[in-house]
């Protein structure tokens, strides 16, 4: 049942952040997502290790989304907290994704190839959904380049995140 609620809350957070960005109203969406993330960490069996995993995922997300932004592939409609970085609502989305690694997406842990394929397909589709809902625009690089680049980012991301999590579990 916990995996079900993890999935539902991830989806609710995703929609809140994307629709909030589309309407320039991200404060409550990001705040609500962070409250859920704090509760998620607090309820985990090892909060410190879960926090470390989420921090790594967040740094990966900020770095890759900022790079995508600088390459002109994607234009986020919200520049808070800085026009030099991807927006805070995207940070909340990365944290929400990280909360699914030991929750609703834990079944992918034993299949890094499937995780990579699903990342390569679902990652770009998620960004496209955000664009269509008005949270971002494809930049001058275009949608095809964006799909390819985001596909690579997510094909690498999911297996990497599970590796980071496996490493912390084995090191415990």
Protein backbone atom coordinates (compact mmCIF):
# COMPACT_ATOMS: atom_id res chain seq x y z
CA UNK A 1 0.00 0.00 0.00
CA UNK A 2 2.91 2.36 0.70
CA UNK A 3 4.05 2.02 -2.93
CA UNK A 4 0.58 2.98 -4.12
CA UNK A 5 0.59 6.17 -2.04
CA UNK A 6 4.15 6.91 -3.12
CA UNK A 7 3.00 6.75 -6.74
CA UNK A 8 -0.12 8.86 -6.08
CA UNK A 9 1.81 11.54 -4.18
CA UNK A 10 4.52 11.61 -6.84
CA UNK A 11 1.88 12.18 -9.53
CA UNK A 12 0.11 14.84 -7.47
CA UNK A 13 3.42 16.62 -6.86
CA UNK A 14 4.33 16.41 -10.55
CA UNK A 15 1.06 17.97 -11.65
CA UNK A 16 1.20 20.63 -8.93
CA UNK A 17 4.73 21.69 -9.89
CA UNK A 18 4.13 21.67 -13.65
CA UNK A 19 0.78 23.44 -13.51
CA UNK A 20 2.17 25.87 -10.92
CA UNK A 21 5.05 26.69 -13.28
CA UNK A 22 2.68 27.11 -16.19
CA UNK A 23 0.72 29.69 -14.20
CA UNK A 24 3.72 31.28 -12.44
CA UNK A 25 2.44 30.01 -9.07
CA UNK A 26 5.13 27.57 -7.92
CA UNK A 27 5.45 28.47 -4.24
CA UNK A 28 2.71 26.18 -2.90
CA UNK A 29 3.56 23.33 -5.25
CA UNK A 30 7.23 23.37 -4.28
CA UNK A 31 6.39 23.84 -0.59
CA UNK A 32 3.93 20.95 -0.64
CA UNK A 33 6.42 18.73 -2.43
CA UNK A 34 9.10 19.56 0.13
CA UNK A 35 6.73 18.77 2.99
CA UNK A 36 6.06 15.38 1.41
CA UNK A 37 9.81 14.80 0.89
CA UNK A 38 10.52 15.66 4.54
CA UNK A 39 7.79 13.23 5.64
CA UNK A 40 9.14 10.59 3.25
CA UNK A 41 12.68 10.91 4.67
CA UNK A 42 11.38 10.93 8.25
CA UNK A 43 9.40 7.72 7.63
CA UNK A 44 12.24 5.88 5.86
CA UNK A 45 14.08 3.08 7.61
CA UNK A 46 17.35 5.02 7.41
CA UNK A 47 16.63 8.75 7.08
CA UNK A 48 20.26 9.81 6.80
CA UNK A 49 21.00 7.46 3.93
CA UNK A 50 17.73 8.36 2.21
CA UNK A 51 18.60 12.06 2.54
CA UNK A 52 22.03 11.41 0.99
CA UNK A 53 20.47 9.58 -1.95
CA UNK A 54 17.94 12.36 -2.52
CA UNK A 55 20.73 14.96 -2.36
CA UNK A 56 22.73 13.13 -5.05
CA UNK A 57 19.68 12.84 -7.28
CA UNK A 58 18.92 16.53 -6.76
CA UNK A 59 22.47 17.56 -7.72
CA UNK A 60 22.30 15.38 -10.84
CA UNK A 61 18.97 16.95 -11.75
CA UNK A 62 20.09 20.52 -11.23
CA UNK A 63 23.27 19.92 -13.25
CA UNK A 64 21.56 18.19 -16.18
CA UNK A 65 18.56 20.52 -16.40
CA UNK A 66 20.80 23.57 -16.16
CA UNK A 67 23.00 22.17 -18.94
CA UNK A 68 19.91 21.47 -21.08
CA UNK A 69 18.79 25.04 -20.43
CA UNK A 70 22.21 26.50 -21.36
CA UNK A 71 22.32 24.45 -24.55
CA UNK A 72 19.11 26.22 -25.57
CA UNK A 73 17.14 22.99 -25.79
CA UNK A 74 14.58 23.88 -23.15
CA UNK A 75 13.34 27.21 -21.87
CA UNK A 76 11.80 27.02 -18.42
CA UNK A 77 9.05 29.57 -17.87
CA UNK A 78 10.12 30.25 -14.29
CA UNK A 79 13.59 31.51 -13.38
CA UNK A 80 13.28 31.30 -9.60
CA UNK A 81 15.61 31.19 -7.67
CA UNK A 82 18.08 32.26 -10.38
CA UNK A 83 18.09 32.58 -14.16
CA UNK A 84 21.50 30.85 -14.04
CA UNK A 85 20.03 27.55 -12.79
CA UNK A 86 17.08 25.36 -13.58
CA UNK A 87 14.02 26.47 -11.58
CA UNK A 88 13.13 25.30 -8.07
CA UNK A 89 9.99 23.52 -9.27
CA UNK A 90 12.23 21.23 -11.35
CA UNK A 91 14.32 20.58 -8.25
CA UNK A 92 11.17 19.48 -6.46
CA UNK A 93 10.41 17.11 -9.34
CA UNK A 94 13.85 15.52 -9.07
CA UNK A 95 13.30 15.00 -5.35
CA UNK A 96 9.89 13.48 -6.05
CA UNK A 97 11.45 11.09 -8.57
CA UNK A 98 14.09 10.17 -6.00
CA UNK A 99 11.34 9.33 -3.52
CA UNK A 100 10.07 6.67 -5.92
CA UNK A 101 13.37 4.75 -6.06
CA UNK A 102 12.63 2.86 -2.86
CA UNK A 103 8.89 3.18 -3.37
CA UNK A 104 6.81 2.75 -6.48
CA UNK A 105 9.80 2.25 -8.83
CA UNK A 106 11.72 -0.17 -6.60
CA UNK A 107 10.75 -3.05 -8.92
CA UNK A 108 13.23 -1.64 -11.47
CA UNK A 109 16.16 -2.08 -9.09
CA UNK A 110 17.11 -5.53 -10.39
CA UNK A 111 16.87 -4.60 -14.07
CA UNK A 112 19.20 -1.73 -14.97
CA UNK A 113 18.63 -2.25 -18.69
CA UNK A 114 14.86 -1.94 -18.29
CA UNK A 115 15.39 1.07 -16.02
CA UNK A 116 17.54 2.67 -18.71
CA UNK A 117 15.01 1.98 -21.48
CA UNK A 118 12.11 3.28 -19.41
CA UNK A 119 14.15 6.35 -18.47
CA UNK A 120 15.01 7.00 -22.12
CA UNK A 121 11.33 6.81 -23.10
CA UNK A 122 9.45 8.19 -20.10
CA UNK A 123 11.87 11.03 -19.28
CA UNK A 124 11.38 12.88 -22.56
CA UNK A 125 7.64 12.18 -22.52
CA UNK A 126 7.40 13.75 -19.07
CA UNK A 127 9.23 16.87 -20.29
CA UNK A 128 6.99 16.99 -23.37
CA UNK A 129 3.92 16.80 -21.12
CA UNK A 130 5.33 19.71 -19.10
CA UNK A 131 5.87 21.71 -22.29
CA UNK A 132 2.34 20.99 -23.50
CA UNK A 133 0.92 22.04 -20.12
CA UNK A 134 2.79 25.35 -20.43
CA UNK A 135 5.60 24.95 -17.88
CA UNK A 136 8.40 25.24 -20.46
CA UNK A 137 9.09 25.68 -24.15
CA UNK A 138 11.39 23.85 -26.51
CA UNK A 139 14.29 26.14 -27.30
CA UNK A 140 16.08 26.87 -30.53
CA UNK A 141 17.62 23.40 -30.47
CA UNK A 142 14.18 22.02 -31.12
CA UNK A 143 12.01 19.23 -29.88
CA UNK A 144 13.87 16.36 -31.59
CA UNK A 145 17.23 17.37 -30.14
CA UNK A 146 15.50 17.90 -26.80
CA UNK A 147 13.96 14.44 -26.86
CA UNK A 148 17.33 12.88 -27.69
CA UNK A 149 19.29 14.78 -25.06
CA UNK A 150 16.71 14.28 -22.32
CA UNK A 151 16.47 10.61 -23.33
CA UNK A 152 20.20 10.20 -22.74
CA UNK A 153 20.00 12.06 -19.41
CA UNK A 154 17.24 9.75 -18.18
CA UNK A 155 18.68 6.56 -19.70
CA UNK A 156 21.75 7.22 -17.55
CA UNK A 157 19.84 8.57 -14.55
CA UNK A 158 17.70 5.67 -13.40
CA UNK A 159 20.41 2.98 -13.43
CA UNK A 160 22.81 5.46 -11.82
CA UNK A 161 20.34 6.30 -9.07
CA UNK A 162 19.74 2.61 -8.33
CA UNK A 163 23.50 2.08 -8.31
CA UNK A 164 23.92 4.89 -5.77
CA UNK A 165 21.20 3.36 -3.67
CA UNK A 166 22.65 -0.18 -3.96
CA UNK A 167 26.07 1.15 -2.99
CA UNK A 168 24.67 2.79 0.13
CA UNK A 169 22.71 -0.37 1.05
CA UNK A 170 25.78 -2.61 0.57
CA UNK A 171 27.95 -0.14 2.48
CA UNK A 172 25.57 -0.08 5.45
